[in-house]
């Protein structure tokens, strides 16, 4: 089942840079969040890639 989720974030430039840093390294984020669960890592990576694709400029 798919559920559409929408976020509205007010980020300053430093926060945007931090978010972009996370989104540029989805594999590292996934390994840190779920070090022993490859399936969860794959889901996290897919989610971060999707978020990056939706992030404006």
N, C-alpha and C. Protein backbone atom coordinates (compact mmCIF):
# COMPACT_ATOMS: atom_id res chain seq x y z
N UNK A 1 0.84 -1.17 0.00
CA UNK A 1 0.00 0.00 0.00
C UNK A 1 0.89 1.24 0.00
N UNK A 2 0.54 2.20 -0.82
CA UNK A 2 1.28 3.45 -0.91
C UNK A 2 0.45 4.58 -0.31
N UNK A 3 1.08 5.41 0.48
CA UNK A 3 0.42 6.57 1.08
C UNK A 3 1.22 7.80 0.70
N UNK A 4 0.56 8.80 0.15
CA UNK A 4 1.26 10.04 -0.20
C UNK A 4 1.48 10.85 1.07
N UNK A 5 2.73 11.25 1.27
CA UNK A 5 3.10 12.05 2.42
C UNK A 5 3.76 13.33 1.91
N UNK A 6 3.32 14.45 2.45
CA UNK A 6 3.85 15.74 2.02
C UNK A 6 4.45 16.46 3.22
N UNK A 7 5.64 17.01 3.02
CA UNK A 7 6.30 17.78 4.06
C UNK A 7 6.45 19.22 3.61
N UNK A 8 6.33 20.13 4.54
CA UNK A 8 6.65 21.53 4.30
C UNK A 8 7.67 21.92 5.37
N UNK A 9 8.89 22.12 4.95
CA UNK A 9 9.97 22.43 5.88
C UNK A 9 10.49 23.84 5.62
N UNK A 10 10.67 24.59 6.67
CA UNK A 10 11.32 25.89 6.58
C UNK A 10 12.77 25.69 7.01
N UNK A 11 13.67 25.66 6.04
CA UNK A 11 15.07 25.38 6.33
C UNK A 11 15.93 26.57 5.97
N UNK A 12 16.88 26.88 6.84
CA UNK A 12 17.86 27.89 6.46
C UNK A 12 18.90 27.21 5.55
N UNK A 13 19.82 27.98 5.04
CA UNK A 13 20.78 27.45 4.07
C UNK A 13 21.63 26.33 4.68
N UNK A 14 22.03 26.48 5.93
CA UNK A 14 22.84 25.44 6.59
C UNK A 14 22.05 24.15 6.74
N UNK A 15 20.79 24.26 7.11
CA UNK A 15 19.95 23.06 7.24
C UNK A 15 19.73 22.40 5.89
N UNK A 16 19.54 23.19 4.85
CA UNK A 16 19.40 22.62 3.50
C UNK A 16 20.66 21.89 3.10
N UNK A 17 21.82 22.47 3.41
CA UNK A 17 23.09 21.81 3.10
C UNK A 17 23.20 20.48 3.85
N UNK A 18 22.79 20.47 5.11
CA UNK A 18 22.84 19.23 5.90
C UNK A 18 21.92 18.17 5.31
N UNK A 19 20.72 18.59 4.91
CA UNK A 19 19.79 17.65 4.29
C UNK A 19 20.36 17.11 2.99
N UNK A 20 20.92 17.98 2.18
CA UNK A 20 21.52 17.53 0.92
C UNK A 20 22.67 16.55 1.16
N UNK A 21 23.44 16.78 2.21
CA UNK A 21 24.54 15.87 2.55
C UNK A 21 23.99 14.47 2.85
N UNK A 22 22.92 14.40 3.63
CA UNK A 22 22.29 13.11 3.91
C UNK A 22 21.78 12.45 2.64
N UNK A 23 21.14 13.24 1.79
CA UNK A 23 20.53 12.69 0.58
C UNK A 23 21.57 12.29 -0.46
N UNK A 24 22.77 12.85 -0.38
CA UNK A 24 23.85 12.48 -1.30
C UNK A 24 24.52 11.17 -0.89
N UNK A 25 24.25 10.69 0.33
CA UNK A 25 24.91 9.49 0.84
C UNK A 25 23.89 8.50 1.39
N UNK A 26 22.92 8.08 0.58
CA UNK A 26 21.87 7.21 1.11
C UNK A 26 22.39 5.87 1.63
N UNK A 27 23.42 5.33 1.01
CA UNK A 27 23.95 4.04 1.46
C UNK A 27 24.56 4.16 2.85
N UNK A 28 25.31 5.22 3.09
CA UNK A 28 25.94 5.42 4.40
C UNK A 28 24.88 5.64 5.47
N UNK A 29 23.86 6.42 5.15
CA UNK A 29 22.77 6.66 6.10
C UNK A 29 22.07 5.35 6.43
N UNK A 30 21.80 4.56 5.41
CA UNK A 30 21.09 3.28 5.61
C UNK A 30 21.92 2.32 6.46
N UNK A 31 23.21 2.25 6.21
CA UNK A 31 24.07 1.36 7.00
C UNK A 31 24.14 1.80 8.46
N UNK A 32 24.14 3.11 8.69
CA UNK A 32 24.16 3.61 10.06
C UNK A 32 22.84 3.35 10.78
N UNK A 33 21.74 3.45 10.05
CA UNK A 33 20.41 3.30 10.66
C UNK A 33 20.03 1.83 10.88
N UNK A 34 20.48 0.96 9.98
CA UNK A 34 20.10 -0.46 10.07
C UNK A 34 21.30 -1.33 9.69
N UNK A 35 22.31 -1.35 10.54
CA UNK A 35 23.57 -2.01 10.17
C UNK A 35 23.46 -3.50 9.88
N UNK A 36 22.49 -4.18 10.45
CA UNK A 36 22.40 -5.64 10.28
C UNK A 36 21.20 -6.07 9.45
N UNK A 37 20.54 -5.14 8.78
CA UNK A 37 19.30 -5.48 8.08
C UNK A 37 19.33 -4.95 6.64
N UNK A 38 19.81 -5.77 5.70
CA UNK A 38 19.92 -5.33 4.31
C UNK A 38 18.58 -4.92 3.68
N UNK A 39 17.49 -5.58 4.08
CA UNK A 39 16.18 -5.21 3.51
C UNK A 39 15.77 -3.82 3.98
N UNK A 40 16.00 -3.53 5.25
CA UNK A 40 15.68 -2.19 5.77
C UNK A 40 16.59 -1.15 5.13
N UNK A 41 17.85 -1.50 4.93
CA UNK A 41 18.77 -0.59 4.25
C UNK A 41 18.25 -0.24 2.86
N UNK A 42 17.77 -1.23 2.14
CA UNK A 42 17.25 -0.99 0.79
C UNK A 42 16.05 -0.06 0.83
N UNK A 43 15.18 -0.24 1.81
CA UNK A 43 14.01 0.64 1.93
C UNK A 43 14.43 2.07 2.25
N UNK A 44 15.40 2.22 3.14
CA UNK A 44 15.89 3.55 3.51
C UNK A 44 16.52 4.23 2.30
N UNK A 45 17.33 3.49 1.56
CA UNK A 45 17.97 4.04 0.37
C UNK A 45 16.92 4.50 -0.63
N UNK A 46 15.93 3.67 -0.89
CA UNK A 46 14.86 4.04 -1.83
C UNK A 46 14.13 5.30 -1.37
N UNK A 47 13.86 5.39 -0.08
CA UNK A 47 13.17 6.56 0.46
C UNK A 47 14.01 7.82 0.29
N UNK A 48 15.29 7.75 0.62
CA UNK A 48 16.15 8.92 0.50
C UNK A 48 16.31 9.35 -0.96
N UNK A 49 16.39 8.39 -1.86
CA UNK A 49 16.47 8.71 -3.29
C UNK A 49 15.20 9.42 -3.75
N UNK A 50 14.06 8.96 -3.28
CA UNK A 50 12.78 9.59 -3.63
C UNK A 50 12.70 11.01 -3.08
N UNK A 51 13.12 11.19 -1.84
CA UNK A 51 13.12 12.53 -1.25
C UNK A 51 14.03 13.46 -2.05
N UNK A 52 15.21 12.97 -2.40
CA UNK A 52 16.15 13.79 -3.18
C UNK A 52 15.54 14.20 -4.51
N UNK A 53 14.83 13.29 -5.15
CA UNK A 53 14.21 13.59 -6.45
C UNK A 53 13.14 14.67 -6.33
N UNK A 54 12.51 14.77 -5.17
CA UNK A 54 11.44 15.74 -4.96
C UNK A 54 11.94 17.08 -4.43
N UNK A 55 13.18 17.14 -4.00
CA UNK A 55 13.72 18.36 -3.42
C UNK A 55 13.98 19.39 -4.51
N UNK A 56 13.46 20.60 -4.35
CA UNK A 56 13.68 21.62 -5.38
C UNK A 56 15.14 22.07 -5.43
N UNK A 57 15.56 22.41 -6.65
CA UNK A 57 16.86 22.97 -6.97
C UNK A 57 17.89 22.83 -5.96
